[in-house]
Amino acid sequence: MKYVGAREANQKFSKLLAEAENGEIVTVTRRGKPVVRLVAVSDRRDPDRARAAERLRRSHELGIRLGGRRFTRDELHDR
């Protein structure tokens, strides 16, 4: 993970964007504190990773088995 200050991020945005697109996670800081992260939306270099993420997303939609009764993700987060 790479950290850059806000001023540097402003001056070198195109370069940082290319780095994020190539898989680097770029964290932009302001006064030493993390503010935002630049990450690629999809990892075009690794189609297996994208398929695994899609399977995980679908399993969350279907719910999780806990001793016979199925609970959806939303039910688990409701209190």
PDB file of N, CA and C in Angstrom:
ATOM      1  N   MET A   1       0.850  -1.163   0.000  1.00  0.00           N
ATOM      2  CA  MET A   1       0.000   0.000   0.000  1.00  0.00           C
ATOM      3  C   MET A   1       0.899   1.230   0.000  1.00  0.00           C
ATOM      4  N   LYS A   2       0.499   2.203  -0.783  1.00  0.00           N
ATOM      5  CA  LYS A   2       1.275   3.426  -0.924  1.00  0.00           C
ATOM      6  C   LYS A   2       0.514   4.580  -0.287  1.00  0.00           C
ATOM      7  N   TYR A   3       1.212   5.447   0.432  1.00  0.00           N
ATOM      8  CA  TYR A   3       0.615   6.620   1.062  1.00  0.00           C
ATOM      9  C   TYR A   3       1.181   7.871   0.401  1.00  0.00           C
ATOM     10  N   VAL A   4       0.306   8.809   0.060  1.00  0.00           N
ATOM     11  CA  VAL A   4       0.742  10.089  -0.494  1.00  0.00           C
ATOM     12  C   VAL A   4      -0.081  11.203   0.140  1.00  0.00           C
ATOM     13  N   GLY A   5       0.537  12.367   0.266  1.00  0.00           N
ATOM     14  CA  GLY A   5      -0.177  13.528   0.790  1.00  0.00           C
ATOM     15  C   GLY A   5      -1.125  14.094  -0.257  1.00  0.00           C
ATOM     16  N   ALA A   6      -2.072  14.893   0.200  1.00  0.00           N
ATOM     17  CA  ALA A   6      -3.082  15.464  -0.695  1.00  0.00           C
ATOM     18  C   ALA A   6      -2.453  16.326  -1.782  1.00  0.00           C
ATOM     19  N   ARG A   7      -1.461  17.108  -1.445  1.00  0.00           N
ATOM     20  CA  ARG A   7      -0.806  17.973  -2.434  1.00  0.00           C
ATOM     21  C   ARG A   7      -0.142  17.134  -3.521  1.00  0.00           C
ATOM     22  N   GLU A   8       0.600  16.113  -3.105  1.00  0.00           N
ATOM     23  CA  GLU A   8       1.251  15.243  -4.076  1.00  0.00           C
ATOM     24  C   GLU A   8       0.225  14.506  -4.935  1.00  0.00           C
ATOM     25  N   ALA A   9      -0.868  14.068  -4.317  1.00  0.00           N
ATOM     26  CA  ALA A   9      -1.921  13.381  -5.064  1.00  0.00           C
ATOM     27  C   ALA A   9      -2.511  14.307  -6.122  1.00  0.00           C
ATOM     28  N   ASN A  10      -2.681  15.568  -5.772  1.00  0.00           N
ATOM     29  CA  ASN A  10      -3.209  16.543  -6.722  1.00  0.00           C
ATOM     30  C   ASN A  10      -2.241  16.749  -7.887  1.00  0.00           C
ATOM     31  N   GLN A  11      -0.965  16.815  -7.587  1.00  0.00           N
ATOM     32  CA  GLN A  11       0.043  17.067  -8.618  1.00  0.00           C
ATOM     33  C   GLN A  11       0.312  15.854  -9.499  1.00  0.00           C
ATOM     34  N   LYS A  12       0.150  14.652  -8.950  1.00  0.00           N
ATOM     35  CA  LYS A  12       0.512  13.432  -9.685  1.00  0.00           C
ATOM     36  C   LYS A  12      -0.678  12.488  -9.854  1.00  0.00           C
ATOM     37  N   PHE A  13      -1.880  13.061  -9.991  1.00  0.00           N
ATOM     38  CA  PHE A  13      -3.082  12.229 -10.019  1.00  0.00           C
ATOM     39  C   PHE A  13      -3.059  11.189 -11.135  1.00  0.00           C
ATOM     40  N   SER A  14      -2.642  11.581 -12.340  1.00  0.00           N
ATOM     41  CA  SER A  14      -2.624  10.630 -13.461  1.00  0.00           C
ATOM     42  C   SER A  14      -1.723   9.443 -13.174  1.00  0.00           C
ATOM     43  N   LYS A  15      -0.562   9.706 -12.594  1.00  0.00           N
ATOM     44  CA  LYS A  15       0.373   8.634 -12.252  1.00  0.00           C
ATOM     45  C   LYS A  15      -0.224   7.717 -11.178  1.00  0.00           C
ATOM     46  N   LEU A  16      -0.836   8.308 -10.151  1.00  0.00           N
ATOM     47  CA  LEU A  16      -1.447   7.525  -9.080  1.00  0.00           C
ATOM     48  C   LEU A  16      -2.622   6.701  -9.598  1.00  0.00           C
ATOM     49  N   LEU A  17      -3.387   7.270 -10.521  1.00  0.00           N
ATOM     50  CA  LEU A  17      -4.500   6.562 -11.122  1.00  0.00           C
ATOM     51  C   LEU A  17      -4.006   5.328 -11.874  1.00  0.00           C
ATOM     52  N   ALA A  18      -2.923   5.478 -12.619  1.00  0.00           N
ATOM     53  CA  ALA A  18      -2.343   4.343 -13.348  1.00  0.00           C
ATOM     54  C   ALA A  18      -1.838   3.275 -12.380  1.00  0.00           C
ATOM     55  N   GLU A  19      -1.226   3.700 -11.280  1.00  0.00           N
ATOM     56  CA  GLU A  19      -0.741   2.744 -10.287  1.00  0.00           C
ATOM     57  C   GLU A  19      -1.905   1.964  -9.667  1.00  0.00           C
ATOM     58  N   ALA A  20      -2.982   2.660  -9.347  1.00  0.00           N
ATOM     59  CA  ALA A  20      -4.154   1.990  -8.777  1.00  0.00           C
ATOM     60  C   ALA A  20      -4.750   1.016  -9.788  1.00  0.00           C
ATOM     61  N   GLU A  21      -4.791   1.422 -11.037  1.00  0.00           N
ATOM     62  CA  GLU A  21      -5.325   0.554 -12.084  1.00  0.00           C
ATOM     63  C   GLU A  21      -4.489  -0.712 -12.236  1.00  0.00           C
ATOM     64  N   ASN A  22      -3.210  -0.614 -11.931  1.00  0.00           N
ATOM     65  CA  ASN A  22      -2.306  -1.768 -12.015  1.00  0.00           C
ATOM     66  C   ASN A  22      -2.245  -2.584 -10.735  1.00  0.00           C
ATOM     67  N   GLY A  23      -3.160  -2.320  -9.799  1.00  0.00           N
ATOM     68  CA  GLY A  23      -3.241  -3.157  -8.610  1.00  0.00           C
ATOM     69  C   GLY A  23      -2.722  -2.544  -7.328  1.00  0.00           C
ATOM     70  N   GLU A  24      -2.057  -1.410  -7.410  1.00  0.00           N
ATOM     71  CA  GLU A  24      -1.548  -0.734  -6.204  1.00  0.00           C
ATOM     72  C   GLU A  24      -2.704  -0.080  -5.462  1.00  0.00           C
ATOM     73  N   ILE A  25      -2.704  -0.146  -4.149  1.00  0.00           N
ATOM     74  CA  ILE A  25      -3.685   0.584  -3.346  1.00  0.00           C
ATOM     75  C   ILE A  25      -3.000   1.867  -2.897  1.00  0.00           C
ATOM     76  N   VAL A  26      -3.578   3.001  -3.260  1.00  0.00           N
ATOM     77  CA  VAL A  26      -2.987   4.303  -2.945  1.00  0.00           C
ATOM     78  C   VAL A  26      -3.874   5.001  -1.928  1.00  0.00           C
ATOM     79  N   THR A  27      -3.320   5.289  -0.761  1.00  0.00           N
ATOM     80  CA  THR A  27      -4.053   5.998   0.284  1.00  0.00           C
ATOM     81  C   THR A  27      -3.600   7.452   0.293  1.00  0.00           C
ATOM     82  N   VAL A  28      -4.554   8.364   0.172  1.00  0.00           N
ATOM     83  CA  VAL A  28      -4.255   9.791   0.189  1.00  0.00           C
ATOM     84  C   VAL A  28      -4.494  10.302   1.603  1.00  0.00           C
ATOM     85  N   THR A  29      -3.516  11.030   2.114  1.00  0.00           N
ATOM     86  CA  THR A  29      -3.599  11.547   3.485  1.00  0.00           C
ATOM     87  C   THR A  29      -3.705  13.066   3.478  1.00  0.00           C
ATOM     88  N   ARG A  30      -4.275  13.590   4.550  1.00  0.00           N
ATOM     89  CA  ARG A  30      -4.308  15.028   4.788  1.00  0.00           C
ATOM     90  C   ARG A  30      -3.817  15.236   6.207  1.00  0.00           C
ATOM     91  N   ARG A  31      -2.758  15.989   6.334  1.00  0.00           N
ATOM     92  CA  ARG A  31      -2.122  16.225   7.642  1.00  0.00           C
ATOM     93  C   ARG A  31      -1.776  14.917   8.345  1.00  0.00           C
ATOM     94  N   GLY A  32      -1.337  13.932   7.545  1.00  0.00           N
ATOM     95  CA  GLY A  32      -0.895  12.660   8.093  1.00  0.00           C
ATOM     96  C   GLY A  32      -1.985  11.644   8.374  1.00  0.00           C
ATOM     97  N   LYS A  33      -3.240  12.024   8.171  1.00  0.00           N
ATOM     98  CA  LYS A  33      -4.349  11.095   8.436  1.00  0.00           C
ATOM     99  C   LYS A  33      -4.958  10.616   7.125  1.00  0.00           C
ATOM    100  N   PRO A  34      -5.218   9.302   6.998  1.00  0.00           N
ATOM    101  CA  PRO A  34      -5.820   8.774   5.766  1.00  0.00           C
ATOM    102  C   PRO A  34      -7.187   9.405   5.510  1.00  0.00           C
ATOM    103  N   VAL A  35      -7.418   9.789   4.245  1.00  0.00           N
ATOM    104  CA  VAL A  35      -8.676  10.415   3.871  1.00  0.00           C
ATOM    105  C   VAL A  35      -9.422   9.551   2.855  1.00  0.00           C
ATOM    106  N   VAL A  36      -8.744   9.143   1.794  1.00  0.00           N
ATOM    107  CA  VAL A  36      -9.376   8.328   0.745  1.00  0.00           C
ATOM    108  C   VAL A  36      -8.379   7.299   0.229  1.00  0.00           C
ATOM    109  N   ARG A  37      -8.921   6.278  -0.450  1.00  0.00           N
ATOM    110  CA  ARG A  37      -8.084   5.269  -1.094  1.00  0.00           C
ATOM    111  C   ARG A  37      -8.439   5.185  -2.567  1.00  0.00           C
ATOM    112  N   LEU A  38      -7.429   5.024  -3.387  1.00  0.00           N
ATOM    113  CA  LEU A  38      -7.630   4.747  -4.803  1.00  0.00           C
ATOM    114  C   LEU A  38      -7.378   3.264  -5.009  1.00  0.00           C
ATOM    115  N   VAL A  39      -8.386   2.556  -5.491  1.00  0.00           N
ATOM    116  CA  VAL A  39      -8.247   1.137  -5.794  1.00  0.00           C
ATOM    117  C   VAL A  39      -8.945   0.866  -7.118  1.00  0.00           C
ATOM    118  N   ALA A  40      -8.476  -0.124  -7.829  1.00  0.00           N
ATOM    119  CA  ALA A  40      -9.093  -0.480  -9.094  1.00  0.00           C
ATOM    120  C   ALA A  40     -10.492  -1.026  -8.857  1.00  0.00           C
ATOM    121  N   VAL A  41     -11.415  -0.692  -9.739  1.00  0.00           N
ATOM    122  CA  VAL A  41     -12.780  -1.190  -9.629  1.00  0.00           C
ATOM    123  C   VAL A  41     -12.807  -2.683  -9.902  1.00  0.00           C
ATOM    124  N   SER A  42     -12.094  -3.108 -10.907  1.00  0.00           N
ATOM    125  CA  SER A  42     -12.006  -4.539 -11.195  1.00  0.00           C
ATOM    126  C   SER A  42     -10.565  -4.875 -11.530  1.00  0.00           C
ATOM    127  N   ASP A  43     -10.201  -6.072 -11.196  1.00  0.00           N
ATOM    128  CA  ASP A  43      -8.846  -6.522 -11.473  1.00  0.00           C
ATOM    129  C   ASP A  43      -8.864  -7.301 -12.777  1.00  0.00           C
ATOM    130  N   ARG A  44      -8.611  -6.600 -13.873  1.00  0.00           N
ATOM    131  CA  ARG A  44      -8.668  -7.227 -15.196  1.00  0.00           C
ATOM    132  C   ARG A  44      -7.557  -8.245 -15.397  1.00  0.00           C
ATOM    133  N   ARG A  45      -6.528  -8.193 -14.561  1.00  0.00           N
ATOM    134  CA  ARG A  45      -5.411  -9.118 -14.714  1.00  0.00           C
ATOM    135  C   ARG A  45      -5.727 -10.502 -14.184  1.00  0.00           C
ATOM    136  N   ASP A  46      -6.728 -10.641 -13.333  1.00  0.00           N
ATOM    137  CA  ASP A  46      -6.990 -11.915 -12.678  1.00  0.00           C
ATOM    138  C   ASP A  46      -8.480 -12.275 -12.747  1.00  0.00           C
ATOM    139  N   PRO A  47      -8.908 -12.908 -13.850  1.00  0.00           N
ATOM    140  CA  PRO A  47     -10.332 -13.247 -13.978  1.00  0.00           C
ATOM    141  C   PRO A  47     -10.805 -14.242 -12.914  1.00  0.00           C
ATOM    142  N   ASP A  48      -9.919 -15.113 -12.402  1.00  0.00           N
ATOM    143  CA  ASP A  48     -10.311 -16.054 -11.351  1.00  0.00           C
ATOM    144  C   ASP A  48     -10.723 -15.312 -10.087  1.00  0.00           C
ATOM    145  N   ARG A  49     -10.032 -14.241  -9.778  1.00  0.00           N
ATOM    146  CA  ARG A  49     -10.350 -13.446  -8.588  1.00  0.00           C
ATOM    147  C   ARG A  49     -11.727 -12.794  -8.743  1.00  0.00           C
ATOM    148  N   ALA A  50     -12.019 -12.300  -9.934  1.00  0.00           N
ATOM    149  CA  ALA A  50     -13.325 -11.687 -10.185  1.00  0.00           C
ATOM    150  C   ALA A  50     -14.442 -12.720 -10.053  1.00  0.00           C
ATOM    151  N   ARG A  51     -14.221 -13.933 -10.558  1.00  0.00           N
ATOM    152  CA  ARG A  51     -15.232 -14.994 -10.436  1.00  0.00           C
ATOM    153  C   ARG A  51     -15.438 -15.377  -8.971  1.00  0.00           C
ATOM    154  N   ALA A  52     -14.349 -15.457  -8.205  1.00  0.00           N
ATOM    155  CA  ALA A  52     -14.460 -15.798  -6.785  1.00  0.00           C
ATOM    156  C   ALA A  52     -15.240 -14.716  -6.033  1.00  0.00           C
ATOM    157  N   ALA A  53     -15.008 -13.473  -6.368  1.00  0.00           N
ATOM    158  CA  ALA A  53     -15.739 -12.382  -5.726  1.00  0.00           C
ATOM    159  C   ALA A  53     -17.224 -12.460  -6.059  1.00  0.00           C
ATOM    160  N   GLU A  54     -17.545 -12.806  -7.303  1.00  0.00           N
ATOM    161  CA  GLU A  54     -18.948 -12.939  -7.699  1.00  0.00           C
ATOM    162  C   GLU A  54     -19.621 -14.091  -6.963  1.00  0.00           C
ATOM    163  N   ARG A  55     -18.929 -15.220  -6.785  1.00  0.00           N
ATOM    164  CA  ARG A  55     -19.482 -16.354  -6.026  1.00  0.00           C
ATOM    165  C   ARG A  55     -19.744 -15.948  -4.586  1.00  0.00           C
ATOM    166  N   LEU A  56     -18.832 -15.221  -3.983  1.00  0.00           N
ATOM    167  CA  LEU A  56     -18.995 -14.763  -2.604  1.00  0.00           C
ATOM    168  C   LEU A  56     -20.201 -13.823  -2.489  1.00  0.00           C
ATOM    169  N   ARG A  57     -20.341 -12.913  -3.439  1.00  0.00           N
ATOM    170  CA  ARG A  57     -21.480 -11.990  -3.431  1.00  0.00           C
ATOM    171  C   ARG A  57     -22.793 -12.764  -3.527  1.00  0.00           C
ATOM    172  N   ARG A  58     -22.849 -13.763  -4.412  1.00  0.00           N
ATOM    173  CA  ARG A  58     -24.072 -14.565  -4.555  1.00  0.00           C
ATOM    174  C   ARG A  58     -24.369 -15.348  -3.286  1.00  0.00           C
ATOM    175  N   SER A  59     -23.333 -15.889  -2.631  1.00  0.00           N
ATOM    176  CA  SER A  59     -23.573 -16.654  -1.406  1.00  0.00           C
ATOM    177  C   SER A  59     -24.135 -15.756  -0.306  1.00  0.00           C
ATOM    178  N   HIS A  60     -23.735 -14.502  -0.275  1.00  0.00           N
ATOM    179  CA  HIS A  60     -24.289 -13.565   0.709  1.00  0.00           C
ATOM    180  C   HIS A  60     -25.755 -13.288   0.431  1.00  0.00           C
ATOM    181  N   GLU A  61     -26.116 -13.227  -0.845  1.00  0.00           N
ATOM    182  CA  GLU A  61     -27.517 -13.001  -1.189  1.00  0.00           C
ATOM    183  C   GLU A  61     -28.393 -14.194  -0.810  1.00  0.00           C
ATOM    184  N   LEU A  62     -27.855 -15.401  -0.928  1.00  0.00           N
ATOM    185  CA  LEU A  62     -28.621 -16.613  -0.650  1.00  0.00           C
ATOM    186  C   LEU A  62     -28.779 -16.872   0.838  1.00  0.00           C
ATOM    187  N   GLY A  63     -27.877 -16.363   1.627  1.00  0.00           N
ATOM    188  CA  GLY A  63     -27.940 -16.583   3.069  1.00  0.00           C
ATOM    189  C   GLY A  63     -26.898 -17.593   3.522  1.00  0.00           C
ATOM    190  N   ILE A  64     -26.798 -17.753   4.820  1.00  0.00           N
ATOM    191  CA  ILE A  64     -25.795 -18.616   5.433  1.00  0.00           C
ATOM    192  C   ILE A  64     -26.515 -19.665   6.268  1.00  0.00           C
ATOM    193  N   ARG A  65     -26.099 -20.937   6.166  1.00  0.00           N
ATOM    194  CA  ARG A  65     -26.720 -22.012   6.944  1.00  0.00           C
ATOM    195  C   ARG A  65     -26.177 -22.009   8.371  1.00  0.00           C
ATOM    196  N   LEU A  66     -27.091 -21.925   9.328  1.00  0.00           N
ATOM    197  CA  LEU A  66     -26.724 -21.983  10.739  1.00  0.00           C
ATOM    198  C   LEU A  66     -27.661 -22.957  11.439  1.00  0.00           C
ATOM    199  N   GLY A  67     -27.326 -24.230  11.407  1.00  0.00           N
ATOM    200  CA  GLY A  67     -28.090 -25.231  12.131  1.00  0.00           C
ATOM    201  C   GLY A  67     -29.513 -25.431  11.651  1.00  0.00           C
ATOM    202  N   GLY A  68     -29.746 -25.482  10.375  1.00  0.00           N
ATOM    203  CA  GLY A  68     -31.060 -25.809   9.865  1.00  0.00           C
ATOM    204  C   GLY A  68     -31.839 -24.637   9.311  1.00  0.00           C
ATOM    205  N   ARG A  69     -31.857 -23.523   9.998  1.00  0.00           N
ATOM    206  CA  ARG A  69     -32.588 -22.367   9.486  1.00  0.00           C
ATOM    207  C   ARG A  69     -31.640 -21.485   8.700  1.00  0.00           C
ATOM    208  N   ARG A  70     -32.102 -21.015   7.559  1.00  0.00           N
ATOM    209  CA  ARG A  70     -31.268 -20.130   6.752  1.00  0.00           C
ATOM    210  C   ARG A  70     -31.524 -18.676   7.139  1.00  0.00           C
ATOM    211  N   PHE A  71     -30.459 -17.952   7.331  1.00  0.00           N
ATOM    212  CA  PHE A  71     -30.531 -16.535   7.646  1.00  0.00           C
ATOM    213  C   PHE A  71     -29.938 -15.758   6.492  1.00  0.00           C
ATOM    214  N   THR A  72     -30.614 -14.708   6.081  1.00  0.00           N
ATOM    215  CA  THR A  72     -30.047 -13.846   5.058  1.00  0.00           C
ATOM    216  C   THR A  72     -29.047 -12.904   5.715  1.00  0.00           C
ATOM    217  N   ARG A  73     -28.250 -12.286   4.897  1.00  0.00           N
ATOM    218  CA  ARG A  73     -27.271 -11.330   5.393  1.00  0.00           C
ATOM    219  C   ARG A  73     -27.991 -10.195   6.121  1.00  0.00           C
ATOM    220  N   ASP A  74     -29.100  -9.718   5.564  1.00  0.00           N
ATOM    221  CA  ASP A  74     -29.847  -8.627   6.192  1.00  0.00           C
ATOM    222  C   ASP A  74     -30.381  -9.025   7.567  1.00  0.00           C
ATOM    223  N   GLU A  75     -30.879 -10.258   7.705  1.00  0.00           N
ATOM    224  CA  GLU A  75     -31.385 -10.723   9.005  1.00  0.00           C
ATOM    225  C   GLU A  75     -30.271 -10.773  10.037  1.00  0.00           C
ATOM    226  N   LEU A  76     -29.083 -11.146   9.616  1.00  0.00           N
ATOM    227  CA  LEU A  76     -27.958 -11.214  10.554  1.00  0.00           C
ATOM    228  C   LEU A  76     -27.574  -9.834  11.059  1.00  0.00           C
ATOM    229  N   HIS A  77     -27.785  -8.821  10.235  1.00  0.00           N
ATOM    230  CA  HIS A  77     -27.391  -7.464  10.630  1.00  0.00           C
ATOM    231  C   HIS A  77     -28.516  -6.719  11.340  1.00  0.00           C
ATOM    232  N   ASP A  78     -29.762  -7.205  11.239  1.00  0.00           N
ATOM    233  CA  ASP A  78     -30.870  -6.587  11.967  1.00  0.00           C
ATOM    234  C   ASP A  78     -30.749  -6.923  13.452  1.00  0.00           C
ATOM    235  N   ARG A  79     -31.071  -5.992  14.284  1.00  0.00           N
ATOM    236  CA  ARG A  79     -31.006  -6.253  15.727  1.00  0.00           C
ATOM    237  C   ARG A  79     -32.363  -6.114  16.329  1.00  0.00           C
TER     238      ARG A  79
END
